[in-house]
Structure formats: structure tokens, C-alpha cells
Amino acid sequence: ELDREVKQRNIEAIFQDIRFIDLDPRVMGFTFDSVEFQELATAFARD
């Protein structure tokens, strides 16, 4: 139930809320597009 709720809210939005101060915003965009990020983010949310 919780995992479905997180997916509905979009895992990328959760990480964007962290707002890494010194990180170029383009880096987050590139990262979100990677398969590795999607796999890690999905596992993180589930854990």
C-alpha cells in the first residue's frame, strides 16, 4: 500500500524536494533519466 502511494506521488518529486544546494539542476534531470536511478529509487522507496 505504501509503495503504491509513493509511486503515485512520483519518486522524482520526493528527491527534488531535497534540493541539494550546490548541485546543478541539470544533473538531477540527467540522473532521473537513467535506468540506474530508477532501479535504486524504486528499491529505496520499497525499503
All heavy atoms as atom14 arrays in JSON, in Angstrom:
{
  "sequence": "ELDREVKQRNIEAIFQDIRFIDLDPRVMGFTFDSVEFQELATAFARD",
  "atom14_mask": [
    [1, 1, 1, 1, 1, 1, 1, 1, 1, 0, 0, 0, 0, 0],
    [1, 1, 1, 1, 1, 1, 1, 1, 0, 0, 0, 0, 0, 0],
    [1, 1, 1, 1, 1, 1, 1, 1, 0, 0, 0, 0, 0, 0],
    [1, 1, 1, 1, 1, 1, 1, 1, 1, 1, 1, 0, 0, 0],
    [1, 1, 1, 1, 1, 1, 1, 1, 1, 0, 0, 0, 0, 0],
    [1, 1, 1, 1, 1, 1, 1, 0, 0, 0, 0, 0, 0, 0],
    [1, 1, 1, 1, 1, 1, 1, 1, 1, 0, 0, 0, 0, 0],
    [1, 1, 1, 1, 1, 1, 1, 1, 1, 0, 0, 0, 0, 0],
    [1, 1, 1, 1, 1, 1, 1, 1, 1, 1, 1, 0, 0, 0],
    [1, 1, 1, 1, 1, 1, 1, 1, 0, 0, 0, 0, 0, 0],
    [1, 1, 1, 1, 1, 1, 1, 1, 0, 0, 0, 0, 0, 0],
    [1, 1, 1, 1, 1, 1, 1, 1, 1, 0, 0, 0, 0, 0],
    [1, 1, 1, 1, 1, 0, 0, 0, 0, 0, 0, 0, 0, 0],
    [1, 1, 1, 1, 1, 1, 1, 1, 0, 0, 0, 0, 0, 0],
    [1, 1, 1, 1, 1, 1, 1, 1, 1, 1, 1, 0, 0, 0],
    [1, 1, 1, 1, 1, 1, 1, 1, 1, 0, 0, 0, 0, 0],
    [1, 1, 1, 1, 1, 1, 1, 1, 0, 0, 0, 0, 0, 0],
    [1, 1, 1, 1, 1, 1, 1, 1, 0, 0, 0, 0, 0, 0],
    [1, 1, 1, 1, 1, 1, 1, 1, 1, 1, 1, 0, 0, 0],
    [1, 1, 1, 1, 1, 1, 1, 1, 1, 1, 1, 0, 0, 0],
    [1, 1, 1, 1, 1, 1, 1, 1, 0, 0, 0, 0, 0, 0],
    [1, 1, 1, 1, 1, 1, 1, 1, 0, 0, 0, 0, 0, 0],
    [1, 1, 1, 1, 1, 1, 1, 1, 0, 0, 0, 0, 0, 0],
    [1, 1, 1, 1, 1, 1, 1, 1, 0, 0, 0, 0, 0, 0],
    [1, 1, 1, 1, 1, 1, 1, 0, 0, 0, 0, 0, 0, 0],
    [1, 1, 1, 1, 1, 1, 1, 1, 1, 1, 1, 0, 0, 0],
    [1, 1, 1, 1, 1, 1, 1, 0, 0, 0, 0, 0, 0, 0],
    [1, 1, 1, 1, 1, 1, 1, 1, 0, 0, 0, 0, 0, 0],
    [1, 1, 1, 1, 0, 0, 0, 0, 0, 0, 0, 0, 0, 0],
    [1, 1, 1, 1, 1, 1, 1, 1, 1, 1, 1, 0, 0, 0],
    [1, 1, 1, 1, 1, 1, 1, 0, 0, 0, 0, 0, 0, 0],
    [1, 1, 1, 1, 1, 1, 1, 1, 1, 1, 1, 0, 0, 0],
    [1, 1, 1, 1, 1, 1, 1, 1, 0, 0, 0, 0, 0, 0],
    [1, 1, 1, 1, 1, 1, 0, 0, 0, 0, 0, 0, 0, 0],
    [1, 1, 1, 1, 1, 1, 1, 0, 0, 0, 0, 0, 0, 0],
    [1, 1, 1, 1, 1, 1, 1, 1, 1, 0, 0, 0, 0, 0],
    [1, 1, 1, 1, 1, 1, 1, 1, 1, 1, 1, 0, 0, 0],
    [1, 1, 1, 1, 1, 1, 1, 1, 1, 0, 0, 0, 0, 0],
    [1, 1, 1, 1, 1, 1, 1, 1, 1, 0, 0, 0, 0, 0],
    [1, 1, 1, 1, 1, 1, 1, 1, 0, 0, 0, 0, 0, 0],
    [1, 1, 1, 1, 1, 0, 0, 0, 0, 0, 0, 0, 0, 0],
    [1, 1, 1, 1, 1, 1, 1, 0, 0, 0, 0, 0, 0, 0],
    [1, 1, 1, 1, 1, 0, 0, 0, 0, 0, 0, 0, 0, 0],
    [1, 1, 1, 1, 1, 1, 1, 1, 1, 1, 1, 0, 0, 0],
    [1, 1, 1, 1, 1, 0, 0, 0, 0, 0, 0, 0, 0, 0],
    [1, 1, 1, 1, 1, 1, 1, 1, 1, 1, 1, 0, 0, 0],
    [1, 1, 1, 1, 1, 1, 1, 1, 0, 0, 0, 0, 0, 0]
  ],
  "atom14_positions": [
    [[0.83, -1.21, 0.0], [0.0, 0.0, 0.0], [0.86, 1.26, 0.0], [0.62, 2.19, -0.77], [-0.92, 0.03, 1.22], [-2.0, -1.03, 1.23], [-2.71, -1.12, 2.58], [-2.45, -0.27, 3.47], [-3.52, -2.04, 2.74], [0.0, 0.0, 0.0], [0.0, 0.0, 0.0], [0.0, 0.0, 0.0], [0.0, 0.0, 0.0], [0.0, 0.0, 0.0]],
    [[1.85, 1.29, 0.88], [2.73, 2.46, 0.97], [3.55, 2.63, -0.29], [3.75, 3.76, -0.77], [3.65, 2.33, 2.19], [2.96, 2.39, 3.55], [3.96, 2.04, 4.66], [2.34, 3.76, 3.79], [0.0, 0.0, 0.0], [0.0, 0.0, 0.0], [0.0, 0.0, 0.0], [0.0, 0.0, 0.0], [0.0, 0.0, 0.0], [0.0, 0.0, 0.0]],
    [[4.02, 1.53, -0.85], [4.82, 1.58, -2.07], [4.0, 2.16, -3.22], [4.49, 3.0, -3.99], [5.34, 0.18, -2.41], [6.41, 0.18, -3.47], [7.31, 1.04, -3.41], [6.35, -0.68, -4.37], [0.0, 0.0, 0.0], [0.0, 0.0, 0.0], [0.0, 0.0, 0.0], [0.0, 0.0, 0.0], [0.0, 0.0, 0.0], [0.0, 0.0, 0.0]],
    [[2.75, 1.74, -3.35], [1.87, 2.29, -4.4], [1.66, 3.78, -4.19], [1.65, 4.56, -5.14], [0.53, 1.56, -4.41], [0.55, 0.25, -5.16], [-0.85, -0.28, -5.39], [-1.61, -0.51, -4.18], [-1.55, -1.61, -3.43], [-0.74, -2.59, -3.77], [-2.28, -1.73, -2.35], [0.0, 0.0, 0.0], [0.0, 0.0, 0.0], [0.0, 0.0, 0.0]],
    [[1.5, 4.19, -2.94], [1.29, 5.6, -2.64], [2.5, 6.43, -3.04], [2.36, 7.51, -3.62], [0.99, 5.78, -1.15], [0.55, 7.16, -0.79], [0.11, 7.26, 0.66], [-0.53, 6.32, 1.17], [0.45, 8.26, 1.28], [0.0, 0.0, 0.0], [0.0, 0.0, 0.0], [0.0, 0.0, 0.0], [0.0, 0.0, 0.0], [0.0, 0.0, 0.0]],
    [[3.69, 5.93, -2.77], [4.91, 6.64, -3.14], [5.0, 6.76, -4.66], [5.32, 7.82, -5.19], [6.17, 5.94, -2.59], [7.43, 6.48, -3.23], [6.24, 6.1, -1.08], [0.0, 0.0, 0.0], [0.0, 0.0, 0.0], [0.0, 0.0, 0.0], [0.0, 0.0, 0.0], [0.0, 0.0, 0.0], [0.0, 0.0, 0.0], [0.0, 0.0, 0.0]],
    [[4.7, 5.7, -5.37], [4.77, 5.74, -6.83], [3.76, 6.72, -7.39], [4.03, 7.4, -8.38], [4.56, 4.35, -7.41], [5.76, 3.46, -7.19], [5.55, 2.07, -7.74], [6.77, 1.23, -7.42], [6.57, -0.18, -7.66], [0.0, 0.0, 0.0], [0.0, 0.0, 0.0], [0.0, 0.0, 0.0], [0.0, 0.0, 0.0], [0.0, 0.0, 0.0]],
    [[2.61, 6.83, -6.76], [1.6, 7.77, -7.23], [2.07, 9.21, -7.06], [1.72, 10.08, -7.83], [0.28, 7.57, -6.48], [-0.44, 6.3, -6.87], [-1.63, 6.02, -5.98], [-1.87, 6.71, -5.01], [-2.39, 5.0, -6.33], [0.0, 0.0, 0.0], [0.0, 0.0, 0.0], [0.0, 0.0, 0.0], [0.0, 0.0, 0.0], [0.0, 0.0, 0.0]],
    [[2.84, 9.46, -6.05], [3.32, 10.82, -5.78], [4.58, 11.15, -6.58], [5.07, 12.26, -6.49], [3.59, 11.01, -4.3], [2.33, 10.96, -3.5], [2.58, 11.26, -2.08], [1.35, 11.15, -1.35], [1.19, 11.48, -0.12], [2.2, 11.96, 0.56], [0.03, 11.34, 0.47], [0.0, 0.0, 0.0], [0.0, 0.0, 0.0], [0.0, 0.0, 0.0]],
    [[5.12, 10.19, -7.26], [6.27, 10.37, -8.13], [7.57, 10.48, -7.33], [7.85, 11.48, -6.68], [6.07, 11.59, -9.03], [7.11, 11.69, -10.1], [8.2, 11.17, -9.96], [6.77, 12.37, -11.16], [0.0, 0.0, 0.0], [0.0, 0.0, 0.0], [0.0, 0.0, 0.0], [0.0, 0.0, 0.0], [0.0, 0.0, 0.0], [0.0, 0.0, 0.0]],
    [[8.35, 9.45, -7.4], [9.59, 9.38, -6.63], [10.53, 10.53, -6.99], [11.26, 11.04, -6.14], [10.27, 8.0, -6.83], [11.4, 7.78, -5.83], [10.79, 7.83, -8.24], [10.94, 7.5, -4.45], [0.0, 0.0, 0.0], [0.0, 0.0, 0.0], [0.0, 0.0, 0.0], [0.0, 0.0, 0.0], [0.0, 0.0, 0.0], [0.0, 0.0, 0.0]],
    [[10.5, 10.98, -8.23], [11.37, 12.1, -8.61], [11.03, 13.37, -7.84], [11.92, 14.11, -7.43], [11.28, 12.35, -10.11], [11.85, 11.23, -10.94], [11.64, 11.4, -12.42], [11.22, 12.51, -12.84], [11.88, 10.44, -13.17], [0.0, 0.0, 0.0], [0.0, 0.0, 0.0], [0.0, 0.0, 0.0], [0.0, 0.0, 0.0], [0.0, 0.0, 0.0]],
    [[9.76, 13.6, -7.6], [9.33, 14.8, -6.86], [9.87, 14.76, -5.43], [10.24, 15.8, -4.87], [7.81, 14.91, -6.86], [0.0, 0.0, 0.0], [0.0, 0.0, 0.0], [0.0, 0.0, 0.0], [0.0, 0.0, 0.0], [0.0, 0.0, 0.0], [0.0, 0.0, 0.0], [0.0, 0.0, 0.0], [0.0, 0.0, 0.0], [0.0, 0.0, 0.0]],
    [[9.91, 13.58, -4.85], [10.43, 13.44, -3.49], [11.89, 13.86, -3.45], [12.32, 14.61, -2.58], [10.25, 12.0, -2.97], [8.76, 11.7, -2.81], [11.02, 11.78, -1.67], [8.44, 10.24, -2.56], [0.0, 0.0, 0.0], [0.0, 0.0, 0.0], [0.0, 0.0, 0.0], [0.0, 0.0, 0.0], [0.0, 0.0, 0.0], [0.0, 0.0, 0.0]],
    [[12.67, 13.4, -4.44], [14.08, 13.77, -4.47], [14.28, 15.23, -4.84], [15.22, 15.87, -4.36], [14.86, 12.84, -5.42], [15.16, 11.52, -4.81], [14.36, 10.42, -5.05], [16.24, 11.36, -3.96], [14.62, 9.19, -4.47], [16.53, 10.14, -3.37], [15.71, 9.05, -3.62], [0.0, 0.0, 0.0], [0.0, 0.0, 0.0], [0.0, 0.0, 0.0]],
    [[13.42, 15.8, -5.65], [13.53, 17.22, -5.98], [13.29, 18.08, -4.75], [13.87, 19.15, -4.61], [12.56, 17.59, -7.1], [13.02, 17.09, -8.45], [12.0, 17.35, -9.54], [10.82, 17.5, -9.28], [12.47, 17.36, -10.77], [0.0, 0.0, 0.0], [0.0, 0.0, 0.0], [0.0, 0.0, 0.0], [0.0, 0.0, 0.0], [0.0, 0.0, 0.0]],
    [[12.45, 17.61, -3.84], [12.18, 18.36, -2.61], [13.41, 18.45, -1.7], [13.48, 19.34, -0.85], [11.02, 17.73, -1.84], [9.68, 18.05, -2.46], [9.62, 18.97, -3.31], [8.69, 17.4, -2.1], [0.0, 0.0, 0.0], [0.0, 0.0, 0.0], [0.0, 0.0, 0.0], [0.0, 0.0, 0.0], [0.0, 0.0, 0.0], [0.0, 0.0, 0.0]],
    [[14.35, 17.53, -1.88], [15.57, 17.56, -1.05], [16.37, 18.82, -1.36], [16.98, 19.41, -0.49], [16.42, 16.29, -1.28], [15.65, 15.07, -0.79], [17.77, 16.41, -0.57], [16.29, 13.75, -1.16], [0.0, 0.0, 0.0], [0.0, 0.0, 0.0], [0.0, 0.0, 0.0], [0.0, 0.0, 0.0], [0.0, 0.0, 0.0], [0.0, 0.0, 0.0]],
    [[16.37, 19.26, -2.58], [17.05, 20.48, -3.04], [18.51, 20.55, -2.6], [18.89, 21.33, -1.73], [16.32, 21.72, -2.54], [14.9, 21.8, -3.0], [14.3, 23.14, -2.61], [12.86, 23.09, -2.6], [12.1, 23.19, -3.67], [12.63, 23.31, -4.85], [10.79, 23.14, -3.56], [0.0, 0.0, 0.0], [0.0, 0.0, 0.0], [0.0, 0.0, 0.0]],
    [[19.32, 19.73, -3.23], [20.75, 19.79, -2.98], [21.24, 21.17, -3.41], [21.15, 21.55, -4.57], [21.48, 18.7, -3.78], [21.09, 17.31, -3.37], [20.23, 16.56, -4.15], [21.59, 16.76, -2.2], [19.86, 15.27, -3.78], [21.23, 15.48, -1.83], [20.37, 14.74, -2.61], [0.0, 0.0, 0.0], [0.0, 0.0, 0.0], [0.0, 0.0, 0.0]],
    [[21.75, 21.94, -2.49], [22.06, 23.35, -2.72], [23.11, 23.54, -3.81], [22.96, 24.4, -4.68], [22.53, 24.02, -1.41], [21.35, 24.06, -0.43], [23.07, 25.42, -1.66], [21.72, 24.48, 0.97], [0.0, 0.0, 0.0], [0.0, 0.0, 0.0], [0.0, 0.0, 0.0], [0.0, 0.0, 0.0], [0.0, 0.0, 0.0], [0.0, 0.0, 0.0]],
    [[24.18, 22.76, -3.78], [25.27, 23.02, -4.72], [25.23, 22.09, -5.94], [26.21, 21.98, -6.66], [26.62, 22.9, -4.01], [26.87, 21.52, -3.43], [25.91, 20.75, -3.29], [28.03, 21.22, -3.11], [0.0, 0.0, 0.0], [0.0, 0.0, 0.0], [0.0, 0.0, 0.0], [0.0, 0.0, 0.0], [0.0, 0.0, 0.0], [0.0, 0.0, 0.0]],
    [[24.11, 21.45, -6.2], [24.0, 20.53, -7.33], [23.35, 21.23, -8.51], [22.3, 21.85, -8.38], [23.17, 19.31, -6.92], [23.08, 18.17, -7.91], [24.46, 17.56, -8.15], [22.15, 17.1, -7.37], [0.0, 0.0, 0.0], [0.0, 0.0, 0.0], [0.0, 0.0, 0.0], [0.0, 0.0, 0.0], [0.0, 0.0, 0.0], [0.0, 0.0, 0.0]],
    [[24.01, 21.17, -9.65], [23.46, 21.75, -10.87], [22.13, 21.06, -11.17], [22.06, 19.84, -11.23], [24.45, 21.52, -12.02], [24.04, 22.18, -13.32], [22.83, 22.23, -13.62], [24.94, 22.63, -14.04], [0.0, 0.0, 0.0], [0.0, 0.0, 0.0], [0.0, 0.0, 0.0], [0.0, 0.0, 0.0], [0.0, 0.0, 0.0], [0.0, 0.0, 0.0]],
    [[21.05, 21.82, -11.32], [19.73, 21.22, -11.56], [19.69, 20.29, -12.77], [18.92, 19.34, -12.81], [18.81, 22.43, -11.8], [19.54, 23.59, -11.27], [21.0, 23.27, -11.29], [0.0, 0.0, 0.0], [0.0, 0.0, 0.0], [0.0, 0.0, 0.0], [0.0, 0.0, 0.0], [0.0, 0.0, 0.0], [0.0, 0.0, 0.0], [0.0, 0.0, 0.0]],
    [[20.57, 20.52, -13.75], [20.61, 19.64, -14.92], [21.05, 18.23, -14.55], [20.61, 17.26, -15.15], [21.55, 20.22, -15.98], [21.04, 21.54, -16.56], [22.04, 22.14, -17.49], [23.24, 22.47, -16.72], [24.34, 23.02, -17.24], [24.39, 23.31, -18.51], [25.37, 23.3, -16.48], [0.0, 0.0, 0.0], [0.0, 0.0, 0.0], [0.0, 0.0, 0.0]],
    [[21.9, 18.14, -13.52], [22.39, 16.83, -13.09], [21.22, 15.98, -12.61], [21.15, 14.79, -12.92], [23.47, 16.97, -11.99], [23.82, 15.62, -11.39], [24.7, 17.65, -12.55], [0.0, 0.0, 0.0], [0.0, 0.0, 0.0], [0.0, 0.0, 0.0], [0.0, 0.0, 0.0], [0.0, 0.0, 0.0], [0.0, 0.0, 0.0], [0.0, 0.0, 0.0]],
    [[20.3, 16.57, -11.86], [19.15, 15.8, -11.39], [18.32, 15.31, -12.58], [17.87, 14.18, -12.59], [18.31, 16.62, -10.42], [19.05, 16.83, -9.11], [18.04, 17.41, -7.75], [17.2, 15.95, -7.26], [0.0, 0.0, 0.0], [0.0, 0.0, 0.0], [0.0, 0.0, 0.0], [0.0, 0.0, 0.0], [0.0, 0.0, 0.0], [0.0, 0.0, 0.0]],
    [[18.15, 16.16, -13.57], [17.41, 15.75, -14.76], [18.07, 14.59, -15.47], [17.41, 13.61, -15.86], [0.0, 0.0, 0.0], [0.0, 0.0, 0.0], [0.0, 0.0, 0.0], [0.0, 0.0, 0.0], [0.0, 0.0, 0.0], [0.0, 0.0, 0.0], [0.0, 0.0, 0.0], [0.0, 0.0, 0.0], [0.0, 0.0, 0.0], [0.0, 0.0, 0.0]],
    [[19.39, 14.66, -15.63], [20.12, 13.57, -16.27], [20.0, 12.29, -15.44], [19.85, 11.19, -15.97], [21.6, 13.91, -16.44], [21.88, 15.14, -17.25], [22.97, 15.93, -16.98], [21.03, 15.52, -18.29], [23.24, 17.08, -17.73], [21.29, 16.66, -19.04], [22.39, 17.44, -18.76], [0.0, 0.0, 0.0], [0.0, 0.0, 0.0], [0.0, 0.0, 0.0]],
    [[20.1, 12.46, -14.14], [20.04, 11.3, -13.24], [18.67, 10.65, -13.3], [18.57, 9.42, -13.37], [20.36, 11.73, -11.8], [21.63, 12.38, -11.78], [20.39, 10.54, -10.87], [0.0, 0.0, 0.0], [0.0, 0.0, 0.0], [0.0, 0.0, 0.0], [0.0, 0.0, 0.0], [0.0, 0.0, 0.0], [0.0, 0.0, 0.0], [0.0, 0.0, 0.0]],
    [[17.61, 11.45, -13.26], [16.26, 10.89, -13.29], [16.01, 10.08, -14.56], [15.22, 9.15, -14.55], [15.21, 12.0, -13.19], [15.18, 12.71, -11.86], [14.7, 14.0, -11.77], [15.63, 12.09, -10.71], [14.65, 14.66, -10.56], [15.59, 12.75, -9.48], [15.1, 14.04, -9.41], [0.0, 0.0, 0.0], [0.0, 0.0, 0.0], [0.0, 0.0, 0.0]],
    [[16.7, 10.42, -15.63], [16.52, 9.71, -16.89], [17.27, 8.38, -16.94], [17.07, 7.59, -17.85], [16.99, 10.58, -18.08], [16.04, 11.72, -18.35], [14.88, 11.65, -17.92], [16.48, 12.7, -18.99], [0.0, 0.0, 0.0], [0.0, 0.0, 0.0], [0.0, 0.0, 0.0], [0.0, 0.0, 0.0], [0.0, 0.0, 0.0], [0.0, 0.0, 0.0]],
    [[18.15, 8.14, -15.97], [18.97, 6.92, -16.02], [18.23, 5.72, -15.44], [17.45, 5.83, -14.48], [20.28, 7.13, -15.26], [20.08, 7.07, -13.87], [0.0, 0.0, 0.0], [0.0, 0.0, 0.0], [0.0, 0.0, 0.0], [0.0, 0.0, 0.0], [0.0, 0.0, 0.0], [0.0, 0.0, 0.0], [0.0, 0.0, 0.0], [0.0, 0.0, 0.0]],
    [[18.48, 4.58, -16.03], [17.89, 3.33, -15.55], [18.4, 3.02, -14.15], [17.64, 2.57, -13.29], [18.24, 2.17, -16.53], [17.82, 0.83, -15.95], [17.61, 2.42, -17.88], [0.0, 0.0, 0.0], [0.0, 0.0, 0.0], [0.0, 0.0, 0.0], [0.0, 0.0, 0.0], [0.0, 0.0, 0.0], [0.0, 0.0, 0.0], [0.0, 0.0, 0.0]],
    [[19.67, 3.32, -13.9], [20.25, 3.05, -12.58], [19.5, 3.81, -11.49], [19.18, 3.26, -10.44], [21.73, 3.43, -12.56], [22.41, 3.14, -11.24], [23.86, 3.57, -11.2], [24.29, 4.36, -12.08], [24.56, 3.12, -10.29], [0.0, 0.0, 0.0], [0.0, 0.0, 0.0], [0.0, 0.0, 0.0], [0.0, 0.0, 0.0], [0.0, 0.0, 0.0]],
    [[19.2, 5.09, -11.75], [18.45, 5.87, -10.76], [17.08, 5.25, -10.53], [16.64, 5.12, -9.39], [18.27, 7.34, -11.2], [17.34, 8.09, -10.29], [17.78, 8.59, -9.08], [16.0, 8.24, -10.6], [16.92, 9.25, -8.22], [15.13, 8.9, -9.75], [15.6, 9.41, -8.56], [0.0, 0.0, 0.0], [0.0, 0.0, 0.0], [0.0, 0.0, 0.0]],
    [[16.4, 4.91, -11.59], [15.06, 4.35, -11.46], [15.08, 3.07, -10.62], [14.22, 2.88, -9.75], [14.45, 4.07, -12.84], [14.21, 5.33, -13.65], [13.24, 6.31, -12.99], [12.31, 5.92, -12.3], [13.46, 7.58, -13.21], [0.0, 0.0, 0.0], [0.0, 0.0, 0.0], [0.0, 0.0, 0.0], [0.0, 0.0, 0.0], [0.0, 0.0, 0.0]],
    [[16.07, 2.22, -10.84], [16.18, 0.98, -10.06], [16.49, 1.27, -8.6], [15.87, 0.69, -7.7], [17.26, 0.08, -10.67], [16.86, -0.51, -12.01], [17.99, -1.25, -12.7], [19.15, -1.19, -12.22], [17.72, -1.88, -13.74], [0.0, 0.0, 0.0], [0.0, 0.0, 0.0], [0.0, 0.0, 0.0], [0.0, 0.0, 0.0], [0.0, 0.0, 0.0]],
    [[17.46, 2.15, -8.36], [17.83, 2.48, -6.98], [16.7, 3.19, -6.24], [16.42, 2.9, -5.07], [19.09, 3.34, -6.95], [20.39, 2.65, -7.33], [21.51, 3.67, -7.49], [20.76, 1.59, -6.31], [0.0, 0.0, 0.0], [0.0, 0.0, 0.0], [0.0, 0.0, 0.0], [0.0, 0.0, 0.0], [0.0, 0.0, 0.0], [0.0, 0.0, 0.0]],
    [[16.04, 4.11, -6.91], [14.95, 4.86, -6.29], [13.79, 3.94, -5.95], [13.18, 4.06, -4.89], [14.49, 5.99, -7.21], [0.0, 0.0, 0.0], [0.0, 0.0, 0.0], [0.0, 0.0, 0.0], [0.0, 0.0, 0.0], [0.0, 0.0, 0.0], [0.0, 0.0, 0.0], [0.0, 0.0, 0.0], [0.0, 0.0, 0.0], [0.0, 0.0, 0.0]],
    [[13.49, 3.01, -6.84], [12.41, 2.05, -6.59], [12.74, 1.18, -5.38], [11.89, 0.95, -4.52], [12.17, 1.19, -7.85], [11.79, 2.06, -8.92], [11.09, 0.17, -7.62], [0.0, 0.0, 0.0], [0.0, 0.0, 0.0], [0.0, 0.0, 0.0], [0.0, 0.0, 0.0], [0.0, 0.0, 0.0], [0.0, 0.0, 0.0], [0.0, 0.0, 0.0]],
    [[13.98, 0.69, -5.32], [14.4, -0.15, -4.19], [14.38, 0.66, -2.89], [13.93, 0.17, -1.84], [15.79, -0.73, -4.44], [0.0, 0.0, 0.0], [0.0, 0.0, 0.0], [0.0, 0.0, 0.0], [0.0, 0.0, 0.0], [0.0, 0.0, 0.0], [0.0, 0.0, 0.0], [0.0, 0.0, 0.0], [0.0, 0.0, 0.0], [0.0, 0.0, 0.0]],
    [[14.85, 1.9, -2.96], [14.86, 2.77, -1.78], [13.44, 2.98, -1.26], [13.17, 2.84, -0.06], [15.5, 4.11, -2.14], [15.31, 5.19, -1.12], [16.06, 5.21, 0.05], [14.37, 6.19, -1.32], [15.88, 6.2, 0.99], [14.18, 7.2, -0.38], [14.94, 7.21, 0.78], [0.0, 0.0, 0.0], [0.0, 0.0, 0.0], [0.0, 0.0, 0.0]],
    [[12.53, 3.33, -2.16], [11.14, 3.58, -1.76], [10.53, 2.34, -1.14], [9.82, 2.42, -0.13], [10.32, 4.05, -2.96], [0.0, 0.0, 0.0], [0.0, 0.0, 0.0], [0.0, 0.0, 0.0], [0.0, 0.0, 0.0], [0.0, 0.0, 0.0], [0.0, 0.0, 0.0], [0.0, 0.0, 0.0], [0.0, 0.0, 0.0], [0.0, 0.0, 0.0]],
    [[10.79, 1.19, -1.71], [10.25, -0.06, -1.19], [10.82, -0.38, 0.2], [10.09, -0.77, 1.1], [10.57, -1.2, -2.17], [10.13, -2.53, -1.71], [8.9, -2.93, -2.41], [8.46, -4.2, -1.87], [7.21, -4.5, -1.75], [6.3, -3.66, -2.15], [6.84, -5.65, -1.25], [0.0, 0.0, 0.0], [0.0, 0.0, 0.0], [0.0, 0.0, 0.0]],
    [[12.12, -0.19, 0.37], [12.76, -0.46, 1.66], [12.22, 0.46, 2.75], [11.96, 0.03, 3.88], [14.28, -0.31, 1.57], [14.95, -1.41, 0.77], [14.28, -2.43, 0.47], [16.13, -1.25, 0.42], [0.0, 0.0, 0.0], [0.0, 0.0, 0.0], [0.0, 0.0, 0.0], [0.0, 0.0, 0.0], [0.0, 0.0, 0.0], [0.0, 0.0, 0.0]]
  ]
}
